[in-house]
C-alpha atoms as a PDB file:
ATOM      1  CA  UNK A   1      19.448   9.570   9.827  1.00  0.00           C
ATOM      2  CA  UNK A   2      16.442   9.250   7.670  1.00  0.00           C
ATOM      3  CA  UNK A   3      13.300  11.150   8.680  1.00  0.00           C
ATOM      4  CA  UNK A   4      10.023   9.256   8.664  1.00  0.00           C
ATOM      5  CA  UNK A   5       6.520  10.736   8.837  1.00  0.00           C
ATOM      6  CA  UNK A   6       3.428   8.640   9.307  1.00  0.00           C
ATOM      7  CA  UNK A   7       0.022   9.623   8.366  1.00  0.00           C
ATOM      8  CA  UNK A   8      -3.446   8.090   7.728  1.00  0.00           C
ATOM      9  CA  UNK A   9      -4.548   7.117  11.256  1.00  0.00           C
ATOM     10  CA  UNK A  10      -7.919   7.982  12.681  1.00  0.00           C
ATOM     11  CA  UNK A  11     -11.080   6.737  14.381  1.00  0.00           C
ATOM     12  CA  UNK A  12     -13.053   4.014  12.597  1.00  0.00           C
ATOM     13  CA  UNK A  13     -15.550   1.313  13.457  1.00  0.00           C
ATOM     14  CA  UNK A  14     -14.844  -2.366  13.622  1.00  0.00           C
ATOM     15  CA  UNK A  15     -14.857  -3.894  10.148  1.00  0.00           C
ATOM     16  CA  UNK A  16     -13.622  -0.699   8.500  1.00  0.00           C
ATOM     17  CA  UNK A  17     -10.335  -0.077   6.617  1.00  0.00           C
ATOM     18  CA  UNK A  18      -7.490   2.359   6.842  1.00  0.00           C
ATOM     19  CA  UNK A  19      -4.332   2.908   4.880  1.00  0.00           C
ATOM     20  CA  UNK A  20      -1.353   4.259   6.675  1.00  0.00           C
ATOM     21  CA  UNK A  21       1.469   5.971   4.876  1.00  0.00           C
ATOM     22  CA  UNK A  22       5.115   6.530   5.895  1.00  0.00           C
ATOM     23  CA  UNK A  23       7.083   9.005   3.891  1.00  0.00           C
ATOM     24  CA  UNK A  24      10.909   8.813   4.087  1.00  0.00           C
ATOM     25  CA  UNK A  25      13.069  11.930   3.642  1.00  0.00           C
ATOM     26  CA  UNK A  26      15.426  10.085   1.482  1.00  0.00           C
ATOM     27  CA  UNK A  27      16.129   6.700   0.090  1.00  0.00           C
ATOM     28  CA  UNK A  28      18.755   5.100   2.270  1.00  0.00           C
ATOM     29  CA  UNK A  29      20.417   2.317   0.302  1.00  0.00           C
ATOM     30  CA  UNK A  30      21.947   0.950   3.419  1.00  0.00           C
ATOM     31  CA  UNK A  31      18.427   0.401   4.865  1.00  0.00           C
ATOM     32  CA  UNK A  32      17.228  -2.984   4.039  1.00  0.00           C
ATOM     33  CA  UNK A  33      14.135  -3.413   6.046  1.00  0.00           C
ATOM     34  CA  UNK A  34      11.011  -1.324   6.511  1.00  0.00           C
ATOM     35  CA  UNK A  35       8.690  -2.138   9.268  1.00  0.00           C
ATOM     36  CA  UNK A  36       5.448  -1.130  10.858  1.00  0.00           C
ATOM     37  CA  UNK A  37       4.982  -1.597  14.643  1.00  0.00           C
ATOM     38  CA  UNK A  38       2.234  -0.629  17.050  1.00  0.00           C
ATOM     39  CA  UNK A  39       2.004   0.203  20.706  1.00  0.00           C
ATOM     40  CA  UNK A  40      -1.237   0.065  22.642  1.00  0.00           C
ATOM     41  CA  UNK A  41      -1.689   1.890  25.996  1.00  0.00           C
ATOM     42  CA  UNK A  42       0.263   0.147  28.765  1.00  0.00           C
ATOM     43  CA  UNK A  43       2.001  -2.258  26.268  1.00  0.00           C
ATOM     44  CA  UNK A  44       5.298  -2.584  24.610  1.00  0.00           C
ATOM     45  CA  UNK A  45       5.968  -1.870  20.873  1.00  0.00           C
ATOM     46  CA  UNK A  46       4.934  -4.803  18.817  1.00  0.00           C
ATOM     47  CA  UNK A  47       5.868  -5.902  15.376  1.00  0.00           C
ATOM     48  CA  UNK A  48       3.138  -5.710  12.728  1.00  0.00           C
ATOM     49  CA  UNK A  49       4.674  -6.103   9.263  1.00  0.00           C
ATOM     50  CA  UNK A  50       7.995  -5.661   7.369  1.00  0.00           C
ATOM     51  CA  UNK A  51       9.003  -5.374   3.802  1.00  0.00           C
ATOM     52  CA  UNK A  52      12.408  -5.272   2.088  1.00  0.00           C
ATOM     53  CA  UNK A  53      13.208  -1.965   0.425  1.00  0.00           C
ATOM     54  CA  UNK A  54      12.956  -3.721  -3.094  1.00  0.00           C
ATOM     55  CA  UNK A  55       9.603  -5.128  -2.037  1.00  0.00           C
ATOM     56  CA  UNK A  56      10.574  -8.726  -2.674  1.00  0.00           C
ATOM     57  CA  UNK A  57       9.941 -10.110   0.812  1.00  0.00           C
ATOM     58  CA  UNK A  58       7.278  -9.440   3.389  1.00  0.00           C
ATOM     59  CA  UNK A  59       6.602 -10.614   6.992  1.00  0.00           C
ATOM     60  CA  UNK A  60       3.458 -10.273   9.192  1.00  0.00           C
ATOM     61  CA  UNK A  61       2.469 -10.740  12.703  1.00  0.00           C
ATOM     62  CA  UNK A  62       0.028 -13.643  13.038  1.00  0.00           C
ATOM     63  CA  UNK A  63      -2.562 -11.342  14.458  1.00  0.00           C
ATOM     64  CA  UNK A  64      -2.744  -9.189  11.300  1.00  0.00           C
ATOM     65  CA  UNK A  65      -1.993 -11.836   8.640  1.00  0.00           C
ATOM     66  CA  UNK A  66      -4.685 -11.877   5.979  1.00  0.00           C
ATOM     67  CA  UNK A  67      -6.070  -8.528   7.035  1.00  0.00           C
ATOM     68  CA  UNK A  68      -3.088  -6.156   6.693  1.00  0.00           C
ATOM     69  CA  UNK A  69      -0.881  -5.655   3.649  1.00  0.00           C
ATOM     70  CA  UNK A  70       2.487  -3.800   3.624  1.00  0.00           C
ATOM     71  CA  UNK A  71       3.748  -2.329   0.326  1.00  0.00           C
ATOM     72  CA  UNK A  72       6.208   0.310  -0.861  1.00  0.00           C
ATOM     73  CA  UNK A  73       6.537   2.913  -3.614  1.00  0.00           C
ATOM     74  CA  UNK A  74      10.246   3.310  -4.364  1.00  0.00           C
ATOM     75  CA  UNK A  75       9.651   6.346  -6.561  1.00  0.00           C
ATOM     76  CA  UNK A  76       7.892   8.141  -3.653  1.00  0.00           C
ATOM     77  CA  UNK A  77      10.151   6.798  -0.894  1.00  0.00           C
ATOM     78  CA  UNK A  78       6.952   5.740   0.815  1.00  0.00           C
ATOM     79  CA  UNK A  79       5.715   2.640   2.682  1.00  0.00           C
ATOM     80  CA  UNK A  80       2.055   1.817   3.199  1.00  0.00           C
ATOM     81  CA  UNK A  81       0.038  -0.417   5.529  1.00  0.00           C
ATOM     82  CA  UNK A  82      -3.405  -1.318   4.225  1.00  0.00           C
ATOM     83  CA  UNK A  83      -5.465  -2.441   7.143  1.00  0.00           C
ATOM     84  CA  UNK A  84      -8.790  -4.159   6.439  1.00  0.00           C
ATOM     85  CA  UNK A  85     -11.397  -5.802   8.741  1.00  0.00           C
ATOM     86  CA  UNK A  86     -10.165  -3.712  11.693  1.00  0.00           C
ATOM     87  CA  UNK A  87     -10.863  -4.928  15.173  1.00  0.00           C
ATOM     88  CA  UNK A  88     -10.962  -3.220  18.514  1.00  0.00           C
ATOM     89  CA  UNK A  89      -7.691  -4.875  19.484  1.00  0.00           C
ATOM     90  CA  UNK A  90      -5.916  -3.195  16.602  1.00  0.00           C
ATOM     91  CA  UNK A  91      -6.260   0.128  18.495  1.00  0.00           C
ATOM     92  CA  UNK A  92      -2.750   1.517  18.995  1.00  0.00           C
ATOM     93  CA  UNK A  93      -0.252   4.118  17.898  1.00  0.00           C
ATOM     94  CA  UNK A  94       1.334   2.882  14.682  1.00  0.00           C
ATOM     95  CA  UNK A  95       4.955   3.552  13.871  1.00  0.00           C
ATOM     96  CA  UNK A  96       7.039   3.002  10.767  1.00  0.00           C
ATOM     97  CA  UNK A  97      10.832   2.344  11.072  1.00  0.00           C
ATOM     98  CA  UNK A  98      13.829   1.335   9.006  1.00  0.00           C
ATOM     99  CA  UNK A  99      16.606  -1.209   9.711  1.00  0.00           C
ATOM    100  CA  UNK A 100      19.770  -2.412   8.153  1.00  0.00           C
ATOM    101  CA  UNK A 101      18.317  -5.864   7.975  1.00  0.00           C
ATOM    102  CA  UNK A 102      14.984  -7.490   7.245  1.00  0.00           C
ATOM    103  CA  UNK A 103      13.746  -8.344  10.698  1.00  0.00           C
ATOM    104  CA  UNK A 104      10.825  -8.395  13.064  1.00  0.00           C
ATOM    105  CA  UNK A 105      12.923  -7.440  16.125  1.00  0.00           C
ATOM    106  CA  UNK A 106      12.150  -3.847  17.231  1.00  0.00           C
ATOM    107  CA  UNK A 107      15.633  -3.233  18.680  1.00  0.00           C
ATOM    108  CA  UNK A 108      17.149  -3.743  15.154  1.00  0.00           C
ATOM    109  CA  UNK A 109      15.378  -0.708  13.855  1.00  0.00           C
ATOM    110  CA  UNK A 110      17.252   2.597  14.313  1.00  0.00           C
ATOM    111  CA  UNK A 111      15.026   5.229  12.699  1.00  0.00           C
ATOM    112  CA  UNK A 112      11.458   5.805  13.730  1.00  0.00           C
ATOM    113  CA  UNK A 113       8.590   8.053  12.886  1.00  0.00           C
ATOM    114  CA  UNK A 114       6.528   9.924  15.383  1.00  0.00           C
ATOM    115  CA  UNK A 115       3.549   7.579  15.086  1.00  0.00           C
ATOM    116  CA  UNK A 116      -0.104   7.891  14.027  1.00  0.00           C
ATOM    117  CA  UNK A 117      -2.908   6.829  16.216  1.00  0.00           C
ATOM    118  CA  UNK A 118      -5.506   4.348  15.163  1.00  0.00           C
ATOM    119  CA  UNK A 119      -8.720   3.825  17.206  1.00  0.00           C
ATOM    120  CA  UNK A 120     -11.147   1.140  16.320  1.00  0.00           C
ATOM    121  CA  UNK A 121     -14.555   1.255  18.109  1.00  0.00           C
ATOM    122  CA  UNK A 122     -16.426  -1.942  18.539  1.00  0.00           C
END
């Protein structure tokens, strides 16, 4: 099972930007989808963005469309989430994950990182 390690979270003010990184221990050719999810206190894990391993396709939640950008660096086995114009409602623990298909469905992802917290003060 691939190991994933997120980094880049922190405390910022509304309107600021952050870039999250997710480093994979290996490139798993059977893994087709790479995703970012988030979980706010008292809420379930929500889809944020996904990208195919080759980078050809992306998907975003409506709440982040136009503000967040998912990308990947195949040479570094790393996926990024650039978050701009952050809002207080973006506050959550952010997780990266891999799946055997390109999907927004959390239960289809079978490898998860430990999460990195993002706090946006208003």
